[in-house]
């Protein structure tokens, strides 16, 4: 019978578009009920870190935290939630969640709408429709990197997130 992992992140889900501050929640346990969370940009640079208080040694508790990130230098990044080794300070039980920063795509960022790709659509034509500028197609590409490998290949029926 397996138990709960020491740390579980329930929100954000992998590749979610996040705002500032980044909100995260989940369940976890750490030495004396303390572990940590940080956000890194796409270059691996730490842009925020907070302590997390939940549960305790052998007791799991819910956590809900915020990390102020401002406008990151890259659209892609990660949320990391981890316990800190009492021996050497290294990361233990680390959970890494890839995220996309809405503010790095569009400032101000208010969320996203969904668009279902139709025949003849391109990222440029969708950008022209939503932003009035076909050259802003990169916003849509970055918001959907988890499902678009090549910006020249989108597919009919594909549901894209369009930052607003």
N, C-alpha and C. Protein backbone atom coordinates (compact mmCIF):
# COMPACT_ATOMS: atom_id res chain seq x y z
N UNK A 1 0.85 -1.17 0.00
CA UNK A 1 0.00 0.00 0.00
C UNK A 1 0.89 1.24 0.00
N UNK A 2 0.69 2.10 -0.98
CA UNK A 2 1.50 3.31 -1.04
C UNK A 2 0.76 4.46 -0.37
N UNK A 3 1.53 5.38 0.16
CA UNK A 3 0.95 6.55 0.82
C UNK A 3 1.07 7.77 -0.06
N UNK A 4 0.75 8.89 0.51
CA UNK A 4 0.89 10.16 -0.19
C UNK A 4 2.36 10.50 -0.36
N UNK A 5 2.72 11.14 -1.47
CA UNK A 5 4.08 11.67 -1.56
C UNK A 5 4.22 12.82 -0.56
N UNK A 6 5.44 13.16 -0.14
CA UNK A 6 5.62 14.23 0.84
C UNK A 6 5.05 15.59 0.39
N UNK A 7 5.07 15.85 -0.93
CA UNK A 7 4.57 17.12 -1.46
C UNK A 7 3.76 16.85 -2.71
N UNK A 8 2.58 17.44 -2.78
CA UNK A 8 1.76 17.34 -3.98
C UNK A 8 1.25 18.73 -4.36
N UNK A 9 1.46 19.13 -5.61
CA UNK A 9 0.97 20.42 -6.09
C UNK A 9 -0.30 20.16 -6.89
N UNK A 10 -1.38 20.79 -6.47
CA UNK A 10 -2.66 20.61 -7.15
C UNK A 10 -2.95 21.75 -8.12
N UNK A 11 -2.37 22.91 -7.84
CA UNK A 11 -2.56 24.07 -8.69
C UNK A 11 -1.31 24.92 -8.58
N UNK A 12 -0.73 25.39 -9.65
CA UNK A 12 -1.18 25.26 -11.03
C UNK A 12 -0.90 23.87 -11.58
N UNK A 13 -1.63 23.51 -12.61
CA UNK A 13 -1.38 22.28 -13.34
C UNK A 13 -0.26 22.55 -14.35
N UNK A 14 0.43 21.50 -14.83
CA UNK A 14 1.50 21.72 -15.80
C UNK A 14 1.02 22.54 -17.00
N UNK A 15 1.82 23.52 -17.36
CA UNK A 15 1.64 24.42 -18.51
C UNK A 15 0.50 25.42 -18.34
N UNK A 16 -0.04 25.57 -17.14
CA UNK A 16 -1.05 26.59 -16.92
C UNK A 16 -0.47 27.98 -17.19
N UNK A 17 -1.33 28.87 -17.66
CA UNK A 17 -1.00 30.28 -17.76
C UNK A 17 -1.22 30.89 -16.38
N UNK A 18 -0.20 31.52 -15.83
CA UNK A 18 -0.29 32.07 -14.48
C UNK A 18 -0.16 33.58 -14.52
N UNK A 19 -0.63 34.21 -13.46
CA UNK A 19 -0.62 35.65 -13.33
C UNK A 19 0.40 36.04 -12.26
N UNK A 20 0.45 37.32 -11.94
CA UNK A 20 1.27 37.81 -10.84
C UNK A 20 0.34 38.34 -9.76
N UNK A 21 0.41 37.81 -8.56
CA UNK A 21 1.35 36.79 -8.12
C UNK A 21 0.93 35.39 -8.61
N UNK A 22 1.92 34.50 -8.63
CA UNK A 22 1.64 33.10 -8.92
C UNK A 22 1.03 32.50 -7.66
N UNK A 23 -0.13 31.88 -7.82
CA UNK A 23 -0.78 31.21 -6.67
C UNK A 23 -0.57 29.72 -6.83
N UNK A 24 -0.26 29.07 -5.74
CA UNK A 24 -0.06 27.63 -5.75
C UNK A 24 -0.74 27.03 -4.52
N UNK A 25 -1.26 25.83 -4.68
CA UNK A 25 -1.84 25.13 -3.55
C UNK A 25 -1.60 23.64 -3.72
N UNK A 26 -1.71 22.95 -2.62
CA UNK A 26 -1.50 21.52 -2.65
C UNK A 26 -1.54 20.96 -1.24
N UNK A 27 -0.82 19.86 -1.08
CA UNK A 27 -0.77 19.19 0.21
C UNK A 27 0.67 18.75 0.43
N UNK A 28 1.10 18.80 1.68
CA UNK A 28 2.47 18.40 1.92
C UNK A 28 2.78 18.26 3.39
N UNK A 29 3.99 17.76 3.61
CA UNK A 29 4.53 17.63 4.95
C UNK A 29 6.02 17.89 4.85
N UNK A 30 6.56 18.47 5.87
CA UNK A 30 7.99 18.75 5.90
C UNK A 30 8.47 18.69 7.33
N UNK A 31 9.77 18.79 7.50
CA UNK A 31 10.34 18.79 8.84
C UNK A 31 9.76 19.97 9.61
N UNK A 32 9.13 19.69 10.72
CA UNK A 32 8.45 20.69 11.54
C UNK A 32 7.42 21.50 10.74
N UNK A 33 6.83 20.87 9.73
CA UNK A 33 5.76 21.50 8.96
C UNK A 33 6.21 22.61 8.05
N UNK A 34 7.49 22.63 7.68
CA UNK A 34 7.98 23.71 6.83
C UNK A 34 8.72 23.15 5.63
N UNK A 35 8.39 23.69 4.45
CA UNK A 35 9.13 23.41 3.23
C UNK A 35 9.14 24.71 2.44
N UNK A 36 9.44 24.68 1.15
CA UNK A 36 9.62 25.93 0.40
C UNK A 36 9.05 25.81 -1.00
N UNK A 37 8.83 26.97 -1.61
CA UNK A 37 8.39 27.04 -3.01
C UNK A 37 9.14 28.18 -3.68
N UNK A 38 9.47 27.98 -4.94
CA UNK A 38 10.12 29.05 -5.69
C UNK A 38 9.63 29.01 -7.13
N UNK A 39 9.81 30.14 -7.80
CA UNK A 39 9.50 30.26 -9.22
C UNK A 39 10.79 30.63 -9.93
N UNK A 40 11.03 29.97 -11.06
CA UNK A 40 12.19 30.26 -11.90
C UNK A 40 11.70 30.67 -13.28
N UNK A 41 12.46 31.54 -13.95
CA UNK A 41 12.13 31.87 -15.33
C UNK A 41 12.67 30.77 -16.25
N UNK A 42 12.52 30.95 -17.54
CA UNK A 42 12.94 29.93 -18.51
C UNK A 42 14.44 29.74 -18.59
N UNK A 43 15.22 30.66 -17.99
CA UNK A 43 16.68 30.53 -17.95
C UNK A 43 17.14 29.86 -16.66
N UNK A 44 16.19 29.51 -15.79
CA UNK A 44 16.53 28.88 -14.52
C UNK A 44 16.83 29.88 -13.42
N UNK A 45 16.64 31.17 -13.68
CA UNK A 45 16.91 32.19 -12.68
C UNK A 45 15.75 32.25 -11.69
N UNK A 46 16.06 32.17 -10.41
CA UNK A 46 15.03 32.26 -9.38
C UNK A 46 14.49 33.68 -9.33
N UNK A 47 13.14 33.81 -9.41
CA UNK A 47 12.54 35.14 -9.35
C UNK A 47 11.66 35.33 -8.11
N UNK A 48 11.39 34.26 -7.39
CA UNK A 48 10.63 34.38 -6.14
C UNK A 48 10.81 33.10 -5.33
N UNK A 49 10.78 33.23 -4.00
CA UNK A 49 10.81 32.07 -3.12
C UNK A 49 10.08 32.43 -1.84
N UNK A 50 9.31 31.48 -1.32
CA UNK A 50 8.60 31.66 -0.06
C UNK A 50 8.70 30.38 0.76
N UNK A 51 8.52 30.53 2.07
CA UNK A 51 8.40 29.37 2.95
C UNK A 51 6.96 28.90 2.93
N UNK A 52 6.78 27.61 3.08
CA UNK A 52 5.46 27.00 3.09
C UNK A 52 5.28 26.32 4.45
N UNK A 53 4.16 26.58 5.08
CA UNK A 53 3.86 25.95 6.37
C UNK A 53 2.64 25.06 6.17
N UNK A 54 2.85 23.76 6.34
CA UNK A 54 1.74 22.81 6.20
C UNK A 54 2.12 21.51 6.89
N UNK A 55 1.17 20.94 7.56
CA UNK A 55 1.38 19.64 8.19
C UNK A 55 2.48 19.68 9.21
N UNK A 56 3.27 18.63 9.22
CA UNK A 56 4.37 18.48 10.16
C UNK A 56 5.01 17.14 9.89
N UNK A 57 6.02 16.80 10.60
CA UNK A 57 6.70 15.54 10.36
C UNK A 57 5.70 14.39 10.46
N UNK A 58 5.43 13.78 9.32
CA UNK A 58 4.49 12.67 9.26
C UNK A 58 3.02 13.08 9.20
N UNK A 59 2.75 14.38 9.18
CA UNK A 59 1.36 14.86 9.09
C UNK A 59 1.25 15.73 7.84
N UNK A 60 0.28 15.42 6.98
CA UNK A 60 0.09 16.19 5.76
C UNK A 60 -0.93 17.29 6.01
N UNK A 61 -0.67 18.45 5.43
CA UNK A 61 -1.60 19.57 5.55
C UNK A 61 -1.72 20.30 4.23
N UNK A 62 -2.80 21.03 4.05
CA UNK A 62 -3.02 21.81 2.84
C UNK A 62 -2.19 23.09 2.88
N UNK A 63 -1.77 23.55 1.70
CA UNK A 63 -1.11 24.85 1.62
C UNK A 63 -1.70 25.66 0.48
N UNK A 64 -1.64 26.97 0.63
CA UNK A 64 -2.11 27.92 -0.37
C UNK A 64 -1.18 29.12 -0.26
N UNK A 65 -0.35 29.33 -1.28
CA UNK A 65 0.68 30.36 -1.21
C UNK A 65 0.63 31.28 -2.43
N UNK A 66 1.27 32.43 -2.31
CA UNK A 66 1.44 33.33 -3.44
C UNK A 66 2.91 33.70 -3.55
N UNK A 67 3.36 33.84 -4.78
CA UNK A 67 4.74 34.24 -5.06
C UNK A 67 4.70 35.40 -6.04
N UNK A 68 5.15 36.57 -5.61
CA UNK A 68 5.17 37.74 -6.48
C UNK A 68 6.32 37.62 -7.47
N UNK A 69 6.01 37.70 -8.77
CA UNK A 69 7.03 37.50 -9.80
C UNK A 69 7.22 38.71 -10.71
N UNK A 70 6.32 39.68 -10.68
CA UNK A 70 6.44 40.81 -11.60
C UNK A 70 6.25 40.33 -13.03
N UNK A 71 6.98 40.93 -13.95
CA UNK A 71 6.93 40.51 -15.35
C UNK A 71 8.22 39.75 -15.64
N UNK A 72 8.16 38.42 -15.70
CA UNK A 72 9.36 37.62 -15.94
C UNK A 72 9.98 37.92 -17.31
N UNK A 73 11.27 37.63 -17.43
CA UNK A 73 12.00 37.88 -18.67
C UNK A 73 11.71 36.86 -19.75
N UNK A 74 11.09 35.74 -19.39
CA UNK A 74 10.75 34.70 -20.37
C UNK A 74 9.29 34.30 -20.18
N UNK A 75 8.63 33.85 -21.25
CA UNK A 75 7.24 33.40 -21.11
C UNK A 75 7.12 32.07 -20.35
N UNK A 76 8.13 31.23 -20.45
CA UNK A 76 8.08 29.91 -19.83
C UNK A 76 8.87 29.93 -18.53
N UNK A 77 8.47 29.11 -17.58
CA UNK A 77 9.18 29.00 -16.32
C UNK A 77 8.73 27.78 -15.56
N UNK A 78 9.09 27.72 -14.28
CA UNK A 78 8.70 26.59 -13.44
C UNK A 78 8.34 27.07 -12.04
N UNK A 79 7.43 26.33 -11.44
CA UNK A 79 7.15 26.41 -10.02
C UNK A 79 7.79 25.17 -9.42
N UNK A 80 8.56 25.35 -8.34
CA UNK A 80 9.18 24.23 -7.64
C UNK A 80 8.75 24.28 -6.19
N UNK A 81 8.28 23.16 -5.68
CA UNK A 81 7.93 23.05 -4.27
C UNK A 81 8.79 21.91 -3.72
N UNK A 82 9.46 22.16 -2.59
CA UNK A 82 10.47 21.20 -2.14
C UNK A 82 10.71 21.32 -0.64
N UNK A 83 11.26 20.27 -0.09
CA UNK A 83 11.71 20.26 1.29
C UNK A 83 13.21 20.55 1.26
N UNK A 84 13.72 21.14 2.29
CA UNK A 84 15.14 21.49 2.36
C UNK A 84 15.84 20.50 3.28
N UNK A 85 16.91 19.90 2.79
CA UNK A 85 17.69 18.95 3.59
C UNK A 85 18.27 19.65 4.81
N UNK A 86 18.07 19.05 5.99
CA UNK A 86 18.64 19.58 7.22
C UNK A 86 20.15 19.35 7.26
N UNK A 87 20.63 18.40 6.44
CA UNK A 87 22.05 18.08 6.44
C UNK A 87 22.88 19.04 5.60
N UNK A 88 22.44 19.27 4.34
CA UNK A 88 23.28 20.07 3.44
C UNK A 88 22.52 21.19 2.70
N UNK A 89 21.24 21.38 3.01
CA UNK A 89 20.48 22.46 2.37
C UNK A 89 20.00 22.16 0.97
N UNK A 90 20.23 20.95 0.50
CA UNK A 90 19.80 20.60 -0.86
C UNK A 90 18.28 20.41 -0.92
N UNK A 91 17.74 20.41 -2.13
CA UNK A 91 16.31 20.21 -2.34
C UNK A 91 15.96 18.73 -2.23
N UNK A 92 14.91 18.43 -1.46
CA UNK A 92 14.41 17.07 -1.32
C UNK A 92 12.96 17.03 -1.75
N UNK A 93 12.53 15.89 -2.26
CA UNK A 93 11.11 15.66 -2.61
C UNK A 93 10.57 16.76 -3.52
N UNK A 94 11.40 17.28 -4.39
CA UNK A 94 11.03 18.43 -5.22
C UNK A 94 10.01 18.06 -6.28
N UNK A 95 8.96 18.89 -6.38
CA UNK A 95 7.95 18.78 -7.42
C UNK A 95 8.14 19.99 -8.33
N UNK A 96 8.33 19.75 -9.62
CA UNK A 96 8.55 20.82 -10.58
C UNK A 96 7.36 20.86 -11.54
N UNK A 97 6.73 22.06 -11.63
CA UNK A 97 5.57 22.24 -12.49
C UNK A 97 5.92 23.30 -13.55
N UNK A 98 5.95 22.91 -14.84
CA UNK A 98 6.19 23.92 -15.88
C UNK A 98 4.98 24.86 -15.97
N UNK A 99 5.26 26.18 -16.08
CA UNK A 99 4.20 27.18 -16.15
C UNK A 99 4.51 28.18 -17.25
N UNK A 100 3.48 28.93 -17.66
CA UNK A 100 3.64 30.01 -18.63
C UNK A 100 3.16 31.30 -17.98
N UNK A 101 3.98 32.33 -18.04
CA UNK A 101 3.68 33.61 -17.41
C UNK A 101 2.84 34.48 -18.34
N UNK A 102 1.58 34.71 -17.95
CA UNK A 102 0.69 35.53 -18.76
C UNK A 102 1.23 36.93 -18.98
N UNK A 103 1.81 37.55 -17.93
CA UNK A 103 2.33 38.91 -18.05
C UNK A 103 3.53 39.02 -18.99
N UNK A 104 4.26 37.94 -19.18
CA UNK A 104 5.37 37.96 -20.13
C UNK A 104 4.86 37.95 -21.57
N UNK A 105 3.60 37.53 -21.74
CA UNK A 105 2.99 37.49 -23.07
C UNK A 105 2.22 38.77 -23.39
N UNK A 106 1.56 39.32 -22.39
CA UNK A 106 0.65 40.45 -22.61
C UNK A 106 0.49 41.20 -21.30
N UNK A 107 0.77 42.50 -21.33
CA UNK A 107 0.65 43.31 -20.12
C UNK A 107 -0.28 44.49 -20.41
N UNK A 108 -1.42 44.61 -19.75
CA UNK A 108 -1.85 43.76 -18.64
C UNK A 108 -2.42 42.43 -19.16
N UNK A 109 -2.31 41.42 -18.33
CA UNK A 109 -2.84 40.09 -18.65
C UNK A 109 -4.09 39.89 -17.81
N UNK A 110 -5.18 39.50 -18.46
CA UNK A 110 -6.46 39.31 -17.76
C UNK A 110 -6.97 37.88 -17.81
N UNK A 111 -6.24 36.99 -18.43
CA UNK A 111 -6.69 35.61 -18.59
C UNK A 111 -6.58 35.23 -20.06
N UNK A 112 -7.32 34.21 -20.44
CA UNK A 112 -7.27 33.78 -21.83
C UNK A 112 -8.65 33.33 -22.29
N UNK A 113 -8.83 33.36 -23.59
CA UNK A 113 -10.02 32.78 -24.19
C UNK A 113 -9.56 31.55 -24.97
N UNK A 114 -10.49 30.70 -25.33
CA UNK A 114 -10.15 29.52 -26.11
C UNK A 114 -10.62 29.72 -27.54
N UNK A 115 -9.83 29.24 -28.47
CA UNK A 115 -10.16 29.32 -29.88
C UNK A 115 -9.93 27.95 -30.52
N UNK A 116 -10.91 27.46 -31.25
CA UNK A 116 -10.77 26.20 -31.96
C UNK A 116 -10.32 26.47 -33.38
N UNK A 117 -9.19 25.91 -33.76
CA UNK A 117 -8.60 26.14 -35.08
C UNK A 117 -9.54 25.62 -36.17
N UNK A 118 -9.75 26.47 -37.17
CA UNK A 118 -10.58 26.12 -38.34
C UNK A 118 -9.67 25.98 -39.56
N UNK A 119 -10.20 25.40 -40.62
CA UNK A 119 -9.45 25.24 -41.86
C UNK A 119 -8.93 26.58 -42.35
N UNK A 120 -7.67 26.62 -42.76
CA UNK A 120 -7.07 27.83 -43.29
C UNK A 120 -6.46 28.75 -42.24
N UNK A 121 -6.69 28.47 -40.97
CA UNK A 121 -6.13 29.31 -39.90
C UNK A 121 -4.62 29.16 -39.82
N UNK A 122 -3.97 30.24 -39.46
CA UNK A 122 -2.55 30.24 -39.09
C UNK A 122 -2.46 31.02 -37.77
N UNK A 123 -1.34 30.89 -37.10
CA UNK A 123 -1.17 31.67 -35.88
C UNK A 123 -1.23 33.17 -36.20
N UNK A 124 -0.71 33.55 -37.36
CA UNK A 124 -0.76 34.97 -37.76
C UNK A 124 -2.19 35.44 -37.99
N UNK A 125 -3.00 34.62 -38.65
CA UNK A 125 -4.38 35.04 -38.90
C UNK A 125 -5.19 35.10 -37.60
N UNK A 126 -4.90 34.20 -36.68
CA UNK A 126 -5.59 34.24 -35.38
C UNK A 126 -5.15 35.47 -34.60
N UNK A 127 -3.84 35.79 -34.64
CA UNK A 127 -3.34 36.99 -33.96
C UNK A 127 -3.97 38.25 -34.55
N UNK A 128 -4.10 38.29 -35.86
CA UNK A 128 -4.74 39.46 -36.50
C UNK A 128 -6.18 39.61 -36.02
N UNK A 129 -6.87 38.50 -35.87
CA UNK A 129 -8.27 38.53 -35.41
C UNK A 129 -8.37 39.03 -33.98
N UNK A 130 -7.50 38.55 -33.10
CA UNK A 130 -7.62 38.88 -31.68
C UNK A 130 -6.87 40.14 -31.26
N UNK A 131 -5.74 40.42 -31.91
CA UNK A 131 -4.90 41.54 -31.49
C UNK A 131 -4.83 42.67 -32.52
N UNK A 132 -5.40 42.43 -33.70
CA UNK A 132 -5.32 43.44 -34.75
C UNK A 132 -3.93 43.54 -35.37
N UNK A 133 -3.08 42.55 -35.12
CA UNK A 133 -1.71 42.57 -35.61
C UNK A 133 -1.22 41.14 -35.80
N UNK A 134 -1.05 40.74 -37.06
CA UNK A 134 -0.61 39.37 -37.37
C UNK A 134 0.77 39.06 -36.80
N UNK A 135 1.59 40.10 -36.58
CA UNK A 135 2.95 39.89 -36.07
C UNK A 135 2.99 39.50 -34.59
N UNK A 136 1.85 39.49 -33.92
CA UNK A 136 1.80 39.10 -32.50
C UNK A 136 1.47 37.62 -32.32
N UNK A 137 1.69 36.82 -33.36
CA UNK A 137 1.41 35.39 -33.31
C UNK A 137 2.24 34.68 -32.25
N UNK A 138 3.43 35.23 -31.89
CA UNK A 138 4.28 34.58 -30.90
C UNK A 138 3.59 34.46 -29.55
N UNK A 139 2.71 35.41 -29.21
CA UNK A 139 1.96 35.33 -27.95
C UNK A 139 1.17 34.03 -27.89
N UNK A 140 0.51 33.73 -29.00
CA UNK A 140 -0.33 32.52 -29.06
C UNK A 140 0.56 31.28 -29.04
N UNK A 141 1.66 31.33 -29.77
CA UNK A 141 2.59 30.20 -29.79
C UNK A 141 3.11 29.91 -28.38
N UNK A 142 3.60 30.94 -27.67
CA UNK A 142 4.15 30.74 -26.33
C UNK A 142 3.09 30.26 -25.34
N UNK A 143 1.86 30.73 -25.49
CA UNK A 143 0.78 30.30 -24.58
C UNK A 143 0.40 28.84 -24.80
N UNK A 144 0.82 28.27 -25.92
CA UNK A 144 0.43 26.91 -26.28
C UNK A 144 1.62 26.02 -26.59
N UNK A 145 2.79 26.36 -26.06
CA UNK A 145 4.02 25.59 -26.34
C UNK A 145 3.89 24.12 -25.97
N UNK A 146 3.05 23.82 -25.02
CA UNK A 146 2.87 22.43 -24.60
C UNK A 146 2.19 21.58 -25.67
N UNK A 147 1.54 22.24 -26.66
CA UNK A 147 0.86 21.46 -27.69
C UNK A 147 1.23 21.87 -29.11
N UNK A 148 2.03 22.91 -29.28
CA UNK A 148 2.49 23.31 -30.61
C UNK A 148 4.01 23.17 -30.64
N UNK A 149 4.50 22.26 -31.46
CA UNK A 149 5.95 22.08 -31.59
C UNK A 149 6.54 23.02 -32.64
N UNK A 150 5.76 23.26 -33.69
CA UNK A 150 6.20 24.09 -34.82
C UNK A 150 5.10 25.11 -35.09
N UNK A 151 5.40 26.41 -35.02
CA UNK A 151 4.36 27.42 -35.21
C UNK A 151 3.72 27.40 -36.60
N UNK A 152 4.33 26.71 -37.53
CA UNK A 152 3.76 26.61 -38.88
C UNK A 152 2.83 25.41 -39.03
N UNK A 153 2.65 24.65 -37.95
CA UNK A 153 1.81 23.46 -38.01
C UNK A 153 0.80 23.45 -36.87
N UNK A 154 -0.36 24.02 -37.12
CA UNK A 154 -1.49 23.88 -36.21
C UNK A 154 -2.55 23.09 -36.94
N UNK A 155 -3.48 22.51 -36.21
CA UNK A 155 -4.39 21.55 -36.80
C UNK A 155 -5.85 21.93 -36.56
N UNK A 156 -6.67 21.65 -37.56
CA UNK A 156 -8.11 21.88 -37.43
C UNK A 156 -8.61 21.11 -36.21
N UNK A 157 -9.39 21.78 -35.38
CA UNK A 157 -9.93 21.17 -34.18
C UNK A 157 -9.09 21.39 -32.94
N UNK A 158 -7.85 21.81 -33.11
CA UNK A 158 -6.98 22.09 -31.97
C UNK A 158 -7.54 23.29 -31.20
N UNK A 159 -7.58 23.18 -29.88
CA UNK A 159 -8.09 24.27 -29.05
C UNK A 159 -6.91 25.03 -28.47
N UNK A 160 -6.81 26.30 -28.83
CA UNK A 160 -5.70 27.14 -28.41
C UNK A 160 -6.12 28.13 -27.34
N UNK A 161 -5.18 28.48 -26.46
CA UNK A 161 -5.41 29.54 -25.48
C UNK A 161 -4.93 30.85 -26.10
N UNK A 162 -5.79 31.85 -26.05
CA UNK A 162 -5.46 33.17 -26.59
C UNK A 162 -5.39 34.16 -25.43
N UNK A 163 -4.16 34.58 -25.03
CA UNK A 163 -4.05 35.51 -23.90
C UNK A 163 -4.84 36.79 -24.16
N UNK A 164 -5.50 37.29 -23.12
CA UNK A 164 -6.33 38.50 -23.23
C UNK A 164 -5.80 39.57 -22.29
